[in-house]
């Protein structure tokens, strides 16, 4: 094993270099034998009090450490940039790629034989997985788990209800005091969002990719079984090092297809698309935007979870968790491929059971025949746009309406509630310049709040289009990720108020009723209005970020550099 352990390139050295590597670890009170022929396992921790979803990770890390030590490994915990969706401005997505760089370089530069990624809040999962993929050593993911279902005035609530509470407050249906009471009623335990938002979608993604132990996705953060899974993960990562099981052994094309199929069945977030594309880019797996539509087209929606359904992630766990969902999807999945626990996909769900068909339906009798993602094409979005049919209103899936255009987020905020805004329920709200470059960072503002004067009439949904994203907890007939974004001057950039827009989800089309001649004329007079940054990371981001249709990673981060360090520092 000595030749195989990467860490011995540090701790096994003789002379001055070995002295320095070992001595400065020993000043923490670590005995010499810890460095001899033991797999050194990094615990990549995104704990932060500014990332409330991950605020319990220091405690959870102790369970991982116990498992690593029990299996004969040496655990070392290290921090990386933590992205707290609820607090960070202007948007956590702006820093996903930066965090991935932190993770990649922290893993490569240090004496690690394997790594456990501790993920929870939305962007912490893709950023950690992206960074680890570019190094490609034995890697396993432990998610933080969802918070307990909220309780407010005798009913269950979760993050999806934030949009409902907001509309109720704006229309005067609830008071400010009730609004504040709902805040505490929803966030009543540690953990990430209690619905199938982006955080739970990401936890489901890593489990369906085979990057975590079975059951990882749905165990509540405060359930003692989350700690048990963490300890078992610590044991398993040591075994993975001994087996030399790399990320590239698990993350094959078939694994990505399994994740897309599973995401369709659970009504996962549209953010899944942009993150999985970025992960595939790091692994060198050829994944296209169109694959999401093609692979999920015939997959039924069987997990009755908010925002597309009724129940919460806590309920999903009690009903059998993701293994029970994947067992139901047996006919659709690649069953023979290996996962991080050394077992195949089919072996991992062989003994799973569904305990509640109100939550996990059968594929024969799904909750909704509409699942997955619809990838729309047309002259409005030359490179595609994304929507989630299961979260949309059926009567709007085929719709024509006049555009009401907001040039940027400030224009939207300034005008959306004006009494004289020329808008009705048949209008199509269009929000520009909230894409990767234009905002910058591509915020979750695509599910625009409706005009106050329409809310007062009882209107609850309209067709909305943007080059931004939507929270996985959001819902409605919302079209996202329009590409190329407005900041690049494509067709989306030249839409004007009054233009007719046609949406036909069944035929996957999104078209602007404007002649090619008029489009070209408008393009000639188009000028960018987004702010261009002249220093620091944001300048780097704006100059190198790819479009949403490619995963919005930096062009220079595609692929990886492996685990070799070319030079010693001493």
Protein backbone atom coordinates (compact mmCIF):
# COMPACT_ATOMS: atom_id res chain seq x y z
CA UNK A 1 0.00 0.00 0.00
CA UNK A 2 2.91 2.35 0.71
CA UNK A 3 3.55 2.98 -3.00
CA UNK A 4 -0.12 3.57 -3.63
CA UNK A 5 -0.75 6.15 -0.94
CA UNK A 6 -0.56 9.63 -2.35
CA UNK A 7 0.03 11.10 1.12
CA UNK A 8 3.39 9.33 1.37
CA UNK A 9 4.65 11.83 -1.18
CA UNK A 10 4.60 14.16 1.83
CA UNK A 11 4.83 12.15 5.03
CA UNK A 12 7.05 9.36 3.68
CA UNK A 13 9.80 11.67 2.51
CA UNK A 14 13.27 11.58 4.07
CA UNK A 15 15.44 14.52 5.03
CA UNK A 16 14.38 18.14 5.38
CA UNK A 17 11.12 17.88 3.44
CA UNK A 18 9.77 14.92 5.41
CA UNK A 19 10.87 16.59 8.66
CA UNK A 20 8.87 19.72 7.86
CA UNK A 21 5.74 17.91 6.66
CA UNK A 22 5.59 15.67 9.74
CA UNK A 23 6.82 18.11 12.37
CA UNK A 24 4.23 20.75 11.69
CA UNK A 25 1.48 18.16 11.88
CA UNK A 26 2.89 16.86 15.15
CA UNK A 27 2.50 20.28 16.75
CA UNK A 28 -1.22 19.46 16.91
CA UNK A 29 -0.45 16.55 19.21
CA UNK A 30 -0.60 13.87 16.52
CA UNK A 31 1.62 10.81 17.10
CA UNK A 32 4.07 9.68 14.43
CA UNK A 33 2.27 6.42 13.63
CA UNK A 34 -0.71 8.30 12.22
CA UNK A 35 1.41 9.16 9.17
CA UNK A 36 2.75 5.67 8.55
CA UNK A 37 0.98 3.62 5.88
CA UNK A 38 -2.44 5.00 6.79
CA UNK A 39 -4.81 6.49 4.21
CA UNK A 40 -5.08 10.21 4.93
CA UNK A 41 -8.69 11.23 4.36
CA UNK A 42 -9.67 14.85 3.92
CA UNK A 43 -13.03 16.02 5.19
CA UNK A 44 -13.95 18.97 2.98
CA UNK A 45 -16.24 20.96 5.24
CA UNK A 46 -18.51 23.81 4.16
CA UNK A 47 -19.53 24.63 7.73
CA UNK A 48 -20.27 28.30 8.25
CA UNK A 49 -22.59 30.32 10.41
CA UNK A 50 -23.22 32.38 7.26
CA UNK A 51 -24.50 29.20 5.60
CA UNK A 52 -27.35 28.28 7.95
CA UNK A 53 -28.17 25.09 6.01
CA UNK A 54 -24.67 23.77 6.87
CA UNK A 55 -24.36 25.14 10.40
CA UNK A 56 -24.45 21.64 11.95
CA UNK A 57 -21.52 20.33 9.91
CA UNK A 58 -18.88 20.55 12.64
CA UNK A 59 -20.87 18.02 14.64
CA UNK A 60 -21.58 15.87 11.59
CA UNK A 61 -17.87 15.86 10.71
CA UNK A 62 -17.10 14.15 14.03
CA UNK A 63 -19.18 11.17 12.93
CA UNK A 64 -17.24 10.97 9.67
CA UNK A 65 -13.97 11.12 11.61
CA UNK A 66 -15.06 8.22 13.82
CA UNK A 67 -15.71 6.10 10.76
CA UNK A 68 -12.37 6.97 9.16
CA UNK A 69 -10.44 6.16 12.34
CA UNK A 70 -12.41 2.96 12.86
CA UNK A 71 -11.43 1.79 9.37
CA UNK A 72 -7.75 2.55 9.93
CA UNK A 73 -7.54 5.90 8.20
CA UNK A 74 -6.28 9.27 9.44
CA UNK A 75 -8.95 12.03 9.18
CA UNK A 76 -8.02 15.65 8.51
CA UNK A 77 -10.76 18.26 8.33
CA UNK A 78 -10.30 21.37 6.22
CA UNK A 79 -12.52 24.34 5.31
CA UNK A 80 -13.34 25.68 1.89
CA UNK A 81 -15.40 28.63 0.72
CA UNK A 82 -19.00 28.13 1.85
CA UNK A 83 -21.88 29.51 -0.19
CA UNK A 84 -24.97 30.34 1.84
CA UNK A 85 -27.88 30.71 -0.55
CA UNK A 86 -30.02 32.66 1.88
CA UNK A 87 -27.51 35.40 2.77
CA UNK A 88 -24.86 35.83 0.08
CA UNK A 89 -25.14 38.72 -2.38
CA UNK A 90 -25.60 39.26 -5.25
CA UNK A 91 -26.15 35.51 -5.75
CA UNK A 92 -24.40 32.35 -4.60
CA UNK A 93 -24.24 31.20 -8.22
CA UNK A 94 -21.68 33.92 -8.95
CA UNK A 95 -19.27 32.16 -6.59
CA UNK A 96 -19.96 28.52 -7.44
CA UNK A 97 -17.00 28.38 -9.81
CA UNK A 98 -14.74 30.20 -7.34
CA UNK A 99 -15.62 27.71 -4.60
CA UNK A 100 -14.93 24.86 -7.01
CA UNK A 101 -11.44 26.29 -7.60
CA UNK A 102 -10.89 26.43 -3.84
CA UNK A 103 -11.93 22.79 -3.50
CA UNK A 104 -9.86 21.59 -6.45
CA UNK A 105 -6.67 23.28 -5.35
CA UNK A 106 -7.14 22.38 -1.66
CA UNK A 107 -7.46 18.69 -2.53
CA UNK A 108 -4.62 18.60 -5.05
CA UNK A 109 -2.16 20.65 -3.00
CA UNK A 110 -2.48 18.63 0.20
CA UNK A 111 -1.44 15.10 1.31
CA UNK A 112 -4.84 13.46 0.79
CA UNK A 113 -5.51 9.92 -0.38
CA UNK A 114 -9.27 10.31 -0.40
CA UNK A 115 -11.85 12.95 0.45
CA UNK A 116 -15.35 13.19 1.92
CA UNK A 117 -17.31 16.17 0.62
CA UNK A 118 -19.70 17.72 3.15
CA UNK A 119 -22.45 19.41 1.16
CA UNK A 120 -25.83 20.88 1.97
CA UNK A 121 -26.92 24.32 0.79
CA UNK A 122 -27.60 24.58 -2.94
CA UNK A 123 -24.23 25.57 -4.44
CA UNK A 124 -22.05 23.74 -1.93
CA UNK A 125 -22.86 20.41 -3.60
CA UNK A 126 -22.03 21.21 -7.24
CA UNK A 127 -19.01 23.35 -6.35
CA UNK A 128 -17.47 20.60 -4.22
CA UNK A 129 -18.21 17.86 -6.73
CA UNK A 130 -16.90 19.97 -9.63
CA UNK A 131 -13.66 20.70 -7.80
CA UNK A 132 -13.16 17.08 -6.76
CA UNK A 133 -13.82 15.85 -10.30
CA UNK A 134 -10.95 17.95 -11.61
CA UNK A 135 -8.58 16.13 -9.21
CA UNK A 136 -10.09 12.62 -9.46
CA UNK A 137 -9.05 10.84 -6.27
CA UNK A 138 -11.35 8.54 -4.22
CA UNK A 139 -14.29 10.74 -3.22
CA UNK A 140 -17.58 10.26 -1.38
CA UNK A 141 -20.34 12.77 -0.58
CA UNK A 142 -22.22 13.26 2.70
CA UNK A 143 -25.14 15.69 2.51
CA UNK A 144 -26.41 17.65 5.49
CA UNK A 145 -30.06 16.69 5.18
CA UNK A 146 -33.33 18.64 5.06
CA UNK A 147 -34.84 20.56 7.96
CA UNK A 148 -38.00 19.28 9.57
CA UNK A 149 -41.26 20.21 7.91
CA UNK A 150 -42.49 23.62 9.05
CA UNK A 151 -45.71 23.99 11.03
CA UNK A 152 -47.84 27.13 10.78
CA UNK A 153 -51.39 27.56 12.03
CA UNK A 154 -52.17 23.88 11.82
CA UNK A 155 -50.66 23.18 8.41
CA UNK A 156 -47.37 22.00 6.99
CA UNK A 157 -45.17 24.60 5.28
CA UNK A 158 -41.81 24.72 3.53
CA UNK A 159 -39.68 27.05 1.45
CA UNK A 160 -42.08 26.95 -1.50
CA UNK A 161 -44.58 28.74 0.74
CA UNK A 162 -42.28 31.77 0.87
CA UNK A 163 -43.65 32.81 -2.54
CA UNK A 164 -47.22 32.24 -1.35
CA UNK A 165 -46.65 34.24 1.84
CA UNK A 166 -45.08 37.03 -0.19
CA UNK A 167 -48.04 37.24 -2.53
CA UNK A 168 -50.42 37.12 0.43
CA UNK A 169 -48.55 39.95 2.16
CA UNK A 170 -48.46 42.08 -1.01
CA UNK A 171 -52.18 41.61 -1.57
CA UNK A 172 -52.99 42.34 2.09
CA UNK A 173 -54.24 38.86 2.96
CA UNK A 174 -51.84 38.47 5.91
CA UNK A 175 -50.34 41.01 8.30
CA UNK A 176 -46.66 41.79 8.88
CA UNK A 177 -46.93 40.06 12.27
CA UNK A 178 -48.23 36.86 10.66
CA UNK A 179 -45.47 37.08 8.06
CA UNK A 180 -42.84 37.18 10.84
CA UNK A 181 -44.53 34.32 12.68
CA UNK A 182 -44.37 32.21 9.52
CA UNK A 183 -40.60 32.77 9.28
CA UNK A 184 -39.95 31.06 12.61
CA UNK A 185 -42.53 28.39 11.93
CA UNK A 186 -40.79 27.35 8.73
CA UNK A 187 -37.14 27.42 9.85
CA UNK A 188 -37.64 25.37 13.01
CA UNK A 189 -34.65 23.02 12.80
CA UNK A 190 -31.19 22.76 11.32
CA UNK A 191 -30.90 21.56 7.73
CA UNK A 192 -31.59 22.79 4.21
CA UNK A 193 -34.97 23.42 2.56
CA UNK A 194 -37.68 20.93 3.45
CA UNK A 195 -39.05 20.70 -0.10
CA UNK A 196 -37.63 19.31 -3.34
CA UNK A 197 -35.77 22.56 -3.94
CA UNK A 198 -32.24 22.77 -5.26
CA UNK A 199 -30.60 21.53 -2.05
CA UNK A 200 -32.62 18.31 -1.94
CA UNK A 201 -32.30 17.99 -5.70
CA UNK A 202 -28.51 18.14 -5.32
CA UNK A 203 -28.57 15.57 -2.52
CA UNK A 204 -30.70 13.34 -4.76
CA UNK A 205 -28.32 14.01 -7.64
CA UNK A 206 -25.26 12.72 -5.79
CA UNK A 207 -27.13 9.63 -4.59
CA UNK A 208 -28.49 8.84 -8.06
CA UNK A 209 -25.03 9.42 -9.55
CA UNK A 210 -23.69 6.84 -7.11
CA UNK A 211 -21.51 9.32 -5.18
CA UNK A 212 -23.06 8.73 -1.75
CA UNK A 213 -24.25 5.81 0.33
CA UNK A 214 -27.89 4.79 -0.28
CA UNK A 215 -30.36 6.85 1.73
CA UNK A 216 -28.19 9.98 1.81
CA UNK A 217 -30.66 12.25 0.03
CA UNK A 218 -33.61 12.32 2.42
CA UNK A 219 -32.56 11.63 6.04
CA UNK A 220 -33.53 14.76 8.01
CA UNK A 221 -30.61 16.78 9.35
CA UNK A 222 -31.69 16.25 12.96
CA UNK A 223 -32.38 12.53 12.62
CA UNK A 224 -29.74 10.44 14.41
CA UNK A 225 -29.55 8.23 11.33
CA UNK A 226 -27.84 11.09 9.49
CA UNK A 227 -24.89 10.67 11.88
CA UNK A 228 -24.89 6.93 11.34
CA UNK A 229 -24.70 7.45 7.57
CA UNK A 230 -21.83 9.90 8.11
CA UNK A 231 -19.88 7.36 10.19
CA UNK A 232 -20.47 4.61 7.65
CA UNK A 233 -19.30 6.99 4.93
CA UNK A 234 -16.07 7.50 6.88
CA UNK A 235 -15.53 3.75 6.94
CA UNK A 236 -16.27 3.40 3.25
CA UNK A 237 -13.93 6.14 2.01
CA UNK A 238 -10.97 4.31 3.57
CA UNK A 239 -12.01 1.16 1.73
CA UNK A 240 -12.29 3.15 -1.49
CA UNK A 241 -8.70 4.33 -1.12
CA UNK A 242 -7.54 0.75 -0.62
CA UNK A 243 -9.49 -0.25 -3.75
CA UNK A 244 -8.27 2.84 -5.64
CA UNK A 245 -11.86 3.62 -6.67
CA UNK A 246 -11.72 7.01 -8.37
CA UNK A 247 -14.46 9.45 -9.27
CA UNK A 248 -13.93 8.55 -12.91
CA UNK A 249 -14.84 4.93 -12.09
CA UNK A 250 -18.26 6.05 -10.85
CA UNK A 251 -19.12 9.09 -12.95
CA UNK A 252 -19.63 7.43 -16.32
CA UNK A 253 -22.07 8.56 -18.98
CA UNK A 254 -24.56 5.99 -17.69
CA UNK A 255 -24.36 7.47 -14.17
CA UNK A 256 -25.28 10.89 -15.56
CA UNK A 257 -28.20 9.36 -17.42
CA UNK A 258 -29.43 7.72 -14.20
CA UNK A 259 -29.32 11.09 -12.45
CA UNK A 260 -31.37 12.75 -15.21
CA UNK A 261 -33.97 9.97 -15.12
CA UNK A 262 -34.24 10.11 -11.32
CA UNK A 263 -34.47 13.89 -11.31
CA UNK A 264 -37.39 13.71 -13.73
CA UNK A 265 -39.26 11.29 -11.46
CA UNK A 266 -38.84 13.42 -8.33
CA UNK A 267 -39.67 16.78 -9.91
CA UNK A 268 -36.21 18.15 -9.17
CA UNK A 269 -35.06 21.73 -9.58
CA UNK A 270 -34.23 23.23 -12.98
CA UNK A 271 -30.90 24.18 -11.41
CA UNK A 272 -30.05 20.48 -11.66
CA UNK A 273 -29.47 21.00 -15.38
CA UNK A 274 -26.91 23.76 -15.11
CA UNK A 275 -24.99 21.99 -12.33
CA UNK A 276 -24.96 18.54 -13.91
CA UNK A 277 -23.71 20.03 -17.19
CA UNK A 278 -20.85 21.67 -15.28
CA UNK A 279 -19.95 18.43 -13.45
CA UNK A 280 -20.00 16.52 -16.74
CA UNK A 281 -17.67 19.12 -18.23
CA UNK A 282 -15.17 18.52 -15.43
CA UNK A 283 -15.34 14.75 -15.95
CA UNK A 284 -15.06 14.91 -19.72
CA UNK A 285 -18.49 13.31 -20.18
CA UNK A 286 -20.26 14.51 -23.33
CA UNK A 287 -23.58 15.77 -21.98
CA UNK A 288 -25.81 18.14 -23.93
CA UNK A 289 -28.78 20.29 -22.98
CA UNK A 290 -30.99 18.23 -25.27
CA UNK A 291 -30.13 15.05 -23.33
CA UNK A 292 -32.21 16.24 -20.38
CA UNK A 293 -35.34 16.39 -22.50
CA UNK A 294 -34.65 13.17 -24.37
CA UNK A 295 -33.79 11.08 -21.31
CA UNK A 296 -36.68 12.29 -19.16
CA UNK A 297 -39.37 12.39 -21.86
CA UNK A 298 -41.05 9.11 -20.91
CA UNK A 299 -40.22 9.10 -17.20
CA UNK A 300 -43.32 9.59 -15.01
CA UNK A 301 -43.39 12.03 -12.08
CA UNK A 302 -43.81 9.69 -9.09
CA UNK A 303 -42.55 11.61 -6.03
CA UNK A 304 -45.39 13.75 -4.71
CA UNK A 305 -43.20 16.51 -3.29
CA UNK A 306 -43.43 20.28 -3.18
CA UNK A 307 -43.14 22.45 -5.18
CA UNK A 308 -44.61 20.22 -7.91
CA UNK A 309 -46.58 18.10 -5.45
CA UNK A 310 -47.87 18.04 -1.89
CA UNK A 311 -45.41 16.52 0.59
CA UNK A 312 -41.94 17.25 2.03
CA UNK A 313 -38.52 15.59 2.07
CA UNK A 314 -39.01 14.41 5.64
CA UNK A 315 -42.09 12.55 4.38
CA UNK A 316 -40.06 11.09 1.50
CA UNK A 317 -37.59 9.56 3.94
CA UNK A 318 -40.32 7.91 6.00
CA UNK A 319 -41.89 6.61 2.77
CA UNK A 320 -38.69 4.80 1.77
CA UNK A 321 -36.36 7.53 0.56
CA UNK A 322 -34.63 7.75 -2.78
CA UNK A 323 -33.83 4.00 -2.89
CA UNK A 324 -37.58 3.29 -3.01
CA UNK A 325 -37.98 5.84 -5.82
CA UNK A 326 -35.11 4.33 -7.81
CA UNK A 327 -36.48 0.83 -7.30
CA UNK A 328 -39.74 2.01 -8.85
CA UNK A 329 -37.68 3.34 -11.79
CA UNK A 330 -36.00 -0.05 -12.30
CA UNK A 331 -37.08 -0.33 -15.95
CA UNK A 332 -35.58 3.06 -16.85
CA UNK A 333 -32.20 2.96 -15.06
CA UNK A 334 -28.78 1.57 -15.89
CA UNK A 335 -28.79 -1.00 -13.13
CA UNK A 336 -25.40 -2.65 -13.52
CA UNK A 337 -23.08 0.33 -12.98
CA UNK A 338 -20.97 0.63 -9.84
CA UNK A 339 -21.45 3.16 -7.03
CA UNK A 340 -19.12 4.40 -4.29
CA UNK A 341 -20.10 1.65 -1.84
CA UNK A 342 -18.81 -0.94 -4.31
CA UNK A 343 -22.29 -2.21 -5.14
CA UNK A 344 -24.31 -1.75 -8.29
CA UNK A 345 -27.28 0.58 -8.59
CA UNK A 346 -29.68 -2.38 -8.51
CA UNK A 347 -28.01 -3.92 -5.45
CA UNK A 348 -28.40 -0.64 -3.57
CA UNK A 349 -32.17 -0.54 -3.95
CA UNK A 350 -32.85 -4.29 -4.01
CA UNK A 351 -34.27 -4.33 -0.47
CA UNK A 352 -35.91 -0.91 -0.57
CA UNK A 353 -39.62 -0.68 0.15
CA UNK A 354 -42.25 1.99 -0.33
CA UNK A 355 -44.28 2.59 2.83
CA UNK A 356 -46.59 5.30 1.51
CA UNK A 357 -47.99 5.36 -2.03
CA UNK A 358 -49.40 8.84 -1.42
CA UNK A 359 -45.79 10.04 -1.51
CA UNK A 360 -44.05 7.58 -3.86
CA UNK A 361 -46.40 6.47 -6.61
CA UNK A 362 -45.89 3.64 -9.06
CA UNK A 363 -44.76 4.25 -12.62
CA UNK A 364 -48.06 2.75 -13.79
CA UNK A 365 -50.09 5.31 -11.82
CA UNK A 366 -47.92 8.44 -11.50
CA UNK A 367 -49.00 11.69 -9.87
CA UNK A 368 -48.34 13.62 -13.03
CA UNK A 369 -47.53 12.43 -16.55
CA UNK A 370 -45.47 15.62 -16.99
CA UNK A 371 -41.99 15.24 -15.57
CA UNK A 372 -38.41 16.31 -16.01
CA UNK A 373 -37.33 19.31 -17.99
CA UNK A 374 -38.64 20.73 -21.22
CA UNK A 375 -35.86 22.14 -23.37
CA UNK A 376 -37.39 24.80 -25.57
CA UNK A 377 -35.97 26.04 -28.85
CA UNK A 378 -36.95 28.85 -31.19
CA UNK A 379 -35.89 32.26 -32.44
CA UNK A 380 -36.33 33.70 -28.93
CA UNK A 381 -33.62 31.43 -27.49
CA UNK A 382 -31.26 30.20 -30.20
CA UNK A 383 -29.30 27.96 -27.81
CA UNK A 384 -32.29 26.85 -25.77
CA UNK A 385 -34.29 27.64 -22.66
CA UNK A 386 -35.50 25.46 -19.79
CA UNK A 387 -38.76 24.95 -17.99
CA UNK A 388 -40.29 22.50 -15.52
CA UNK A 389 -43.69 21.34 -16.83
CA UNK A 390 -44.71 19.66 -13.57
CA UNK A 391 -44.56 23.03 -11.76
CA UNK A 392 -46.46 24.91 -14.47
CA UNK A 393 -50.15 25.64 -14.93
CA UNK A 394 -51.66 23.25 -17.52
CA UNK A 395 -53.66 25.99 -19.24
CA UNK A 396 -50.49 27.97 -19.93
CA UNK A 397 -48.45 25.17 -21.50
CA UNK A 398 -49.65 26.41 -24.89
CA UNK A 399 -50.00 30.16 -24.84
CA UNK A 400 -49.60 33.31 -26.92
CA UNK A 401 -49.36 36.74 -25.37
CA UNK A 402 -47.95 40.22 -25.62
CA UNK A 403 -44.59 40.77 -23.98
CA UNK A 404 -44.18 43.10 -21.05
CA UNK A 405 -40.42 43.66 -20.99
CA UNK A 406 -38.22 44.62 -18.05
CA UNK A 407 -34.70 45.51 -19.14
CA UNK A 408 -33.09 44.46 -15.84
CA UNK A 409 -33.97 43.57 -12.27
CA UNK A 410 -34.12 47.22 -11.17
CA UNK A 411 -36.53 48.06 -13.98
CA UNK A 412 -38.71 45.15 -12.86
CA UNK A 413 -38.71 46.21 -9.20
CA UNK A 414 -39.49 49.81 -10.10
CA UNK A 415 -42.45 49.08 -12.39
CA UNK A 416 -44.07 45.73 -11.56
CA UNK A 417 -46.58 47.15 -9.08
CA UNK A 418 -47.35 50.43 -10.85
CA UNK A 419 -51.12 50.86 -11.27
CA UNK A 420 -50.67 52.03 -14.88
CA UNK A 421 -48.51 49.09 -15.97
CA UNK A 422 -50.03 47.87 -19.25
CA UNK A 423 -50.42 44.20 -18.35
CA UNK A 424 -53.12 41.56 -18.04
CA UNK A 425 -53.20 37.85 -17.22
CA UNK A 426 -52.51 36.93 -20.86
CA UNK A 427 -49.32 38.98 -21.00
CA UNK A 428 -45.88 37.38 -20.99
CA UNK A 429 -43.46 38.89 -18.47
CA UNK A 430 -39.91 39.11 -19.85
CA UNK A 431 -36.90 39.89 -17.65
CA UNK A 432 -33.56 40.58 -19.34
CA UNK A 433 -29.98 40.98 -18.17
CA UNK A 434 -30.10 38.52 -15.29
CA UNK A 435 -27.92 35.92 -16.99
CA UNK A 436 -24.39 34.83 -16.03
CA UNK A 437 -22.69 37.91 -17.49
CA UNK A 438 -25.48 40.44 -17.27
CA UNK A 439 -26.31 40.32 -13.58
CA UNK A 440 -23.55 38.95 -13.06
CA UNK A 441 -23.99 35.46 -11.64
CA UNK A 442 -27.44 34.46 -12.91
CA UNK A 443 -29.68 34.97 -9.84
CA UNK A 444 -32.86 33.12 -8.92
CA UNK A 445 -35.27 35.85 -10.01
CA UNK A 446 -36.88 34.09 -12.97
CA UNK A 447 -40.10 33.31 -11.09
CA UNK A 448 -41.01 36.98 -11.00
CA UNK A 449 -43.71 38.03 -8.59
CA UNK A 450 -46.89 38.93 -10.45
CA UNK A 451 -48.15 42.53 -10.73
CA UNK A 452 -50.03 43.60 -7.63
CA UNK A 453 -53.08 44.62 -9.63
CA UNK A 454 -53.35 41.08 -11.07
CA UNK A 455 -52.85 39.45 -7.68
CA UNK A 456 -55.79 41.48 -6.40
CA UNK A 457 -57.89 39.96 -9.20
CA UNK A 458 -56.97 36.44 -8.06
CA UNK A 459 -54.44 35.71 -10.80
CA UNK A 460 -51.80 33.29 -9.48
CA UNK A 461 -49.75 32.39 -12.56
CA UNK A 462 -48.53 33.90 -15.82
CA UNK A 463 -45.95 32.93 -18.42
CA UNK A 464 -42.61 34.40 -17.35
CA UNK A 465 -39.35 34.29 -19.33
CA UNK A 466 -35.83 35.29 -18.33
CA UNK A 467 -32.16 34.53 -18.88
CA UNK A 468 -31.83 33.93 -15.14
CA UNK A 469 -32.64 31.01 -12.87
CA UNK A 470 -35.42 30.08 -10.46
CA UNK A 471 -35.14 28.70 -6.97
CA UNK A 472 -35.82 24.99 -6.88
CA UNK A 473 -38.47 25.81 -4.31
CA UNK A 474 -40.28 28.03 -6.83
CA UNK A 475 -43.15 27.10 -9.13
CA UNK A 476 -45.25 28.43 -11.95
CA UNK A 477 -45.11 28.63 -15.75
CA UNK A 478 -41.59 29.95 -15.73
CA UNK A 479 -39.10 29.72 -18.60
CA UNK A 480 -35.48 30.06 -17.60
CA UNK A 481 -31.86 30.05 -18.78
CA UNK A 482 -32.70 31.71 -22.13
CA UNK A 483 -29.51 31.49 -24.14
CA UNK A 484 -27.70 33.46 -25.41
CA UNK A 485 -28.43 35.82 -22.55
CA UNK A 486 -29.43 39.43 -23.17
CA UNK A 487 -25.96 40.73 -22.28
CA UNK A 488 -24.56 39.05 -25.40
CA UNK A 489 -26.96 40.76 -27.80
CA UNK A 490 -28.79 37.70 -29.15
CA UNK A 491 -32.46 37.60 -30.04
CA UNK A 492 -33.51 37.62 -26.39
CA UNK A 493 -31.82 41.01 -26.02
CA UNK A 494 -34.01 42.77 -28.60
CA UNK A 495 -37.50 41.75 -27.43
CA UNK A 496 -39.74 44.78 -26.96
CA UNK A 497 -42.93 45.35 -25.00
CA UNK A 498 -45.85 44.53 -27.27
CA UNK A 499 -44.11 41.77 -29.22
CA UNK A 500 -46.12 38.56 -29.43
CA UNK A 501 -44.52 35.46 -27.91
CA UNK A 502 -45.71 31.92 -28.58
CA UNK A 503 -45.10 29.08 -26.11
CA UNK A 504 -45.85 25.48 -27.08
CA UNK A 505 -44.39 23.10 -24.51
CA UNK A 506 -45.65 19.96 -26.24
CA UNK A 507 -43.70 20.91 -29.35
CA UNK A 508 -40.81 22.34 -27.31
CA UNK A 509 -40.99 25.71 -29.05
CA UNK A 510 -40.62 29.28 -27.86
CA UNK A 511 -40.91 31.84 -30.62
CA UNK A 512 -40.94 35.60 -31.04
CA UNK A 513 -43.40 36.86 -33.66
CA UNK A 514 -40.96 39.29 -35.19
CA UNK A 515 -39.55 39.02 -38.72
CA UNK A 516 -35.92 38.12 -39.30
CA UNK A 517 -35.45 41.50 -40.95
CA UNK A 518 -36.78 43.34 -37.91
CA UNK A 519 -34.64 41.24 -35.56
CA UNK A 520 -31.50 42.12 -37.53
CA UNK A 521 -32.48 45.79 -37.61
CA UNK A 522 -32.92 45.83 -33.82
CA UNK A 523 -29.62 44.04 -33.28
CA UNK A 524 -27.75 46.73 -35.22
CA UNK A 525 -29.00 49.42 -32.83
CA UNK A 526 -28.67 47.27 -29.68
CA UNK A 527 -26.27 48.40 -26.96
CA UNK A 528 -25.39 46.50 -23.77
CA UNK A 529 -26.62 48.03 -20.54
CA UNK A 530 -25.14 45.62 -17.99
CA UNK A 531 -22.35 46.74 -15.69
CA UNK A 532 -18.87 45.53 -16.58
CA UNK A 533 -16.53 44.96 -13.65
CA UNK A 534 -12.89 46.00 -13.92
CA UNK A 535 -11.17 44.06 -11.14
CA UNK A 536 -11.08 40.91 -9.07
CA UNK A 537 -12.99 37.68 -9.37
CA UNK A 538 -16.11 39.23 -10.90
CA UNK A 539 -14.05 40.61 -13.82
CA UNK A 540 -12.55 37.15 -14.31
CA UNK A 541 -16.03 35.63 -14.13
CA UNK A 542 -17.57 37.96 -16.70
CA UNK A 543 -14.70 37.38 -19.12
CA UNK A 544 -14.65 33.59 -18.87
CA UNK A 545 -18.05 32.24 -17.78
CA UNK A 546 -19.83 30.07 -20.32
CA UNK A 547 -23.52 30.28 -21.10
CA UNK A 548 -26.18 28.43 -19.14
CA UNK A 549 -26.66 25.95 -21.99
CA UNK A 550 -23.09 24.74 -21.31
CA UNK A 551 -23.30 24.72 -17.50
CA UNK A 552 -22.02 28.24 -16.75
CA UNK A 553 -18.58 26.99 -15.74
CA UNK A 554 -15.47 29.00 -16.54
CA UNK A 555 -14.00 28.11 -19.92
CA UNK A 556 -10.56 27.52 -18.40
CA UNK A 557 -11.92 25.11 -15.74
CA UNK A 558 -13.39 22.53 -18.11
CA UNK A 559 -11.74 19.15 -17.55
CA UNK A 560 -9.14 18.67 -14.82
CA UNK A 561 -5.47 18.64 -13.94
CA UNK A 562 -5.42 15.38 -11.99
CA UNK A 563 -3.89 14.76 -8.59
CA UNK A 564 -0.19 15.16 -9.35
CA UNK A 565 1.71 18.07 -7.83
CA UNK A 566 4.61 18.86 -10.11
CA UNK A 567 6.94 20.50 -7.59
CA UNK A 568 7.72 20.35 -3.90
CA UNK A 569 7.66 23.61 -2.00
CA UNK A 570 10.81 23.18 0.06
